[in-house]
Amino acid sequence: MPNASSARPASTGSPSPDEPPAGRRGGAVREALAFCAQPRNLRRTIGIAIVVGIVLTLINQGSVIAGGHATAATWVRCALNFGVPFLVSNAGLLSARR
């Protein structure tokens, strides 16, 4: 009975057709960052982050802030409420680009 590893083709050491060569991976990251940093894309993703961040902050931390009990940890959570939608909206931009 053949084992599972014998069913796989032997690795040739070269990247798959879907994977860029090792030297180009960094270039792909720079290209993605440059695309996300274009002014029209930044306006869109920052706008999304502001709207979603405000809503999430009000839902998750609004009562703590309004009650005057906000700590440094509260403000870190608030910052993440803006950072996560910014990253997700950029990921959406990049996935639509493919």
C-alpha atoms as a PDB file:
ATOM      1  CA  MET A   1       0.000   0.000   0.000  1.00  0.00           C
ATOM      2  CA  PRO A   2       1.622   3.307  -1.040  1.00  0.00           C
ATOM      3  CA  ASN A   3       1.893   5.990   1.606  1.00  0.00           C
ATOM      4  CA  ALA A   4       0.561   9.528   1.156  1.00  0.00           C
ATOM      5  CA  SER A   5       3.988  11.020   0.573  1.00  0.00           C
ATOM      6  CA  SER A   6       4.661   8.824  -2.444  1.00  0.00           C
ATOM      7  CA  ALA A   7       1.553  10.219  -4.171  1.00  0.00           C
ATOM      8  CA  ARG A   8       3.005  13.745  -4.186  1.00  0.00           C
ATOM      9  CA  PRO A   9       5.398  14.755  -6.940  1.00  0.00           C
ATOM     10  CA  ALA A  10       8.959  15.290  -5.857  1.00  0.00           C
ATOM     11  CA  SER A  11       9.876  18.879  -5.124  1.00  0.00           C
ATOM     12  CA  THR A  12      12.130  20.423  -7.732  1.00  0.00           C
ATOM     13  CA  GLY A  13      13.113  23.309  -5.488  1.00  0.00           C
ATOM     14  CA  SER A  14      11.575  25.829  -7.884  1.00  0.00           C
ATOM     15  CA  PRO A  15       8.482  27.820  -6.915  1.00  0.00           C
ATOM     16  CA  SER A  16       5.065  26.865  -8.189  1.00  0.00           C
ATOM     17  CA  PRO A  17       3.707  28.832 -11.181  1.00  0.00           C
ATOM     18  CA  ASP A  18       1.431  30.805  -8.815  1.00  0.00           C
ATOM     19  CA  GLU A  19       4.311  31.807  -6.537  1.00  0.00           C
ATOM     20  CA  PRO A  20       6.673  34.589  -7.605  1.00  0.00           C
ATOM     21  CA  PRO A  21      10.406  33.856  -7.557  1.00  0.00           C
ATOM     22  CA  ALA A  22      12.128  34.567  -4.242  1.00  0.00           C
ATOM     23  CA  GLY A  23      13.592  37.857  -5.467  1.00  0.00           C
ATOM     24  CA  ARG A  24      10.202  39.149  -6.619  1.00  0.00           C
ATOM     25  CA  ARG A  25       8.258  38.526  -3.413  1.00  0.00           C
ATOM     26  CA  GLY A  26       9.532  41.739  -1.847  1.00  0.00           C
ATOM     27  CA  GLY A  27       8.703  43.569  -5.052  1.00  0.00           C
ATOM     28  CA  ALA A  28       5.132  42.324  -4.883  1.00  0.00           C
ATOM     29  CA  VAL A  29       4.791  43.651  -1.336  1.00  0.00           C
ATOM     30  CA  ARG A  30       6.210  47.030  -2.363  1.00  0.00           C
ATOM     31  CA  GLU A  31       3.848  47.112  -5.341  1.00  0.00           C
ATOM     32  CA  ALA A  32       0.856  46.307  -3.116  1.00  0.00           C
ATOM     33  CA  LEU A  33       1.846  49.003  -0.616  1.00  0.00           C
ATOM     34  CA  ALA A  34       2.291  51.539  -3.423  1.00  0.00           C
ATOM     35  CA  PHE A  35      -1.160  50.668  -4.781  1.00  0.00           C
ATOM     36  CA  CYS A  36      -2.781  51.060  -1.359  1.00  0.00           C
ATOM     37  CA  ALA A  37      -0.933  54.358  -0.826  1.00  0.00           C
ATOM     38  CA  GLN A  38      -2.362  55.958  -3.967  1.00  0.00           C
ATOM     39  CA  PRO A  39      -4.370  59.027  -2.894  1.00  0.00           C
ATOM     40  CA  ARG A  40      -7.686  57.793  -4.323  1.00  0.00           C
ATOM     41  CA  ASN A  41      -7.296  54.447  -2.545  1.00  0.00           C
ATOM     42  CA  LEU A  42      -6.202  56.073   0.725  1.00  0.00           C
ATOM     43  CA  ARG A  43      -9.225  58.392   0.672  1.00  0.00           C
ATOM     44  CA  ARG A  44     -11.499  55.387   0.279  1.00  0.00           C
ATOM     45  CA  THR A  45      -9.863  53.134   2.884  1.00  0.00           C
ATOM     46  CA  ILE A  46      -9.374  55.895   5.463  1.00  0.00           C
ATOM     47  CA  GLY A  47     -13.005  56.935   5.022  1.00  0.00           C
ATOM     48  CA  ILE A  48     -14.150  53.362   5.594  1.00  0.00           C
ATOM     49  CA  ALA A  49     -11.896  53.050   8.645  1.00  0.00           C
ATOM     50  CA  ILE A  50     -13.246  56.270  10.169  1.00  0.00           C
ATOM     51  CA  VAL A  51     -16.906  55.333   9.746  1.00  0.00           C
ATOM     52  CA  VAL A  52     -16.508  51.721  10.872  1.00  0.00           C
ATOM     53  CA  GLY A  53     -14.098  52.714  13.665  1.00  0.00           C
ATOM     54  CA  ILE A  54     -16.541  55.223  15.123  1.00  0.00           C
ATOM     55  CA  VAL A  55     -19.389  52.712  15.031  1.00  0.00           C
ATOM     56  CA  LEU A  56     -17.291  49.961  16.624  1.00  0.00           C
ATOM     57  CA  THR A  57     -15.949  52.320  19.287  1.00  0.00           C
ATOM     58  CA  LEU A  58     -19.447  53.461  20.207  1.00  0.00           C
ATOM     59  CA  ILE A  59     -20.703  49.885  20.364  1.00  0.00           C
ATOM     60  CA  ASN A  60     -17.757  48.376  22.225  1.00  0.00           C
ATOM     61  CA  GLN A  61     -16.320  51.189  24.362  1.00  0.00           C
ATOM     62  CA  GLY A  62     -18.963  53.933  24.345  1.00  0.00           C
ATOM     63  CA  SER A  63     -20.308  53.293  27.840  1.00  0.00           C
ATOM     64  CA  VAL A  64     -16.808  53.040  29.343  1.00  0.00           C
ATOM     65  CA  ILE A  65     -15.759  56.339  27.742  1.00  0.00           C
ATOM     66  CA  ALA A  66     -19.032  58.093  28.610  1.00  0.00           C
ATOM     67  CA  GLY A  67     -18.769  56.862  32.198  1.00  0.00           C
ATOM     68  CA  GLY A  68     -15.299  58.332  32.538  1.00  0.00           C
ATOM     69  CA  HIS A  69     -13.678  54.945  33.156  1.00  0.00           C
ATOM     70  CA  ALA A  70     -11.466  54.786  30.083  1.00  0.00           C
ATOM     71  CA  THR A  71      -7.977  53.436  30.689  1.00  0.00           C
ATOM     72  CA  ALA A  72      -4.973  53.177  28.404  1.00  0.00           C
ATOM     73  CA  ALA A  73      -6.219  49.718  27.405  1.00  0.00           C
ATOM     74  CA  THR A  74      -9.557  51.242  26.391  1.00  0.00           C
ATOM     75  CA  TRP A  75      -7.808  53.696  24.070  1.00  0.00           C
ATOM     76  CA  VAL A  76      -5.707  50.900  22.540  1.00  0.00           C
ATOM     77  CA  ARG A  77      -8.922  49.004  21.803  1.00  0.00           C
ATOM     78  CA  CYS A  78     -10.367  52.174  20.257  1.00  0.00           C
ATOM     79  CA  ALA A  79      -7.324  52.530  18.012  1.00  0.00           C
ATOM     80  CA  LEU A  80      -7.715  48.918  16.890  1.00  0.00           C
ATOM     81  CA  ASN A  81     -11.349  49.693  16.038  1.00  0.00           C
ATOM     82  CA  PHE A  82      -9.940  52.007  13.364  1.00  0.00           C
ATOM     83  CA  GLY A  83      -6.867  50.002  12.357  1.00  0.00           C
ATOM     84  CA  VAL A  84      -8.620  46.731  11.610  1.00  0.00           C
ATOM     85  CA  PRO A  85     -11.174  48.171   9.138  1.00  0.00           C
ATOM     86  CA  PHE A  86      -8.347  50.079   7.441  1.00  0.00           C
ATOM     87  CA  LEU A  87      -6.387  46.850   6.922  1.00  0.00           C
ATOM     88  CA  VAL A  88      -9.472  44.911   5.826  1.00  0.00           C
ATOM     89  CA  SER A  89     -10.502  47.552   3.303  1.00  0.00           C
ATOM     90  CA  ASN A  90      -6.970  47.524   1.867  1.00  0.00           C
ATOM     91  CA  ALA A  91      -7.108  43.743   1.629  1.00  0.00           C
ATOM     92  CA  GLY A  92     -10.365  44.147  -0.292  1.00  0.00           C
ATOM     93  CA  LEU A  93      -8.715  46.610  -2.684  1.00  0.00           C
ATOM     94  CA  LEU A  94      -5.882  44.206  -3.323  1.00  0.00           C
ATOM     95  CA  SER A  95      -8.121  41.172  -3.797  1.00  0.00           C
ATOM     96  CA  ALA A  96     -10.304  43.055  -6.294  1.00  0.00           C
ATOM     97  CA  ARG A  97      -7.156  43.982  -8.205  1.00  0.00           C
ATOM     98  CA  ARG A  98      -6.150  40.374  -8.914  1.00  0.00           C
END
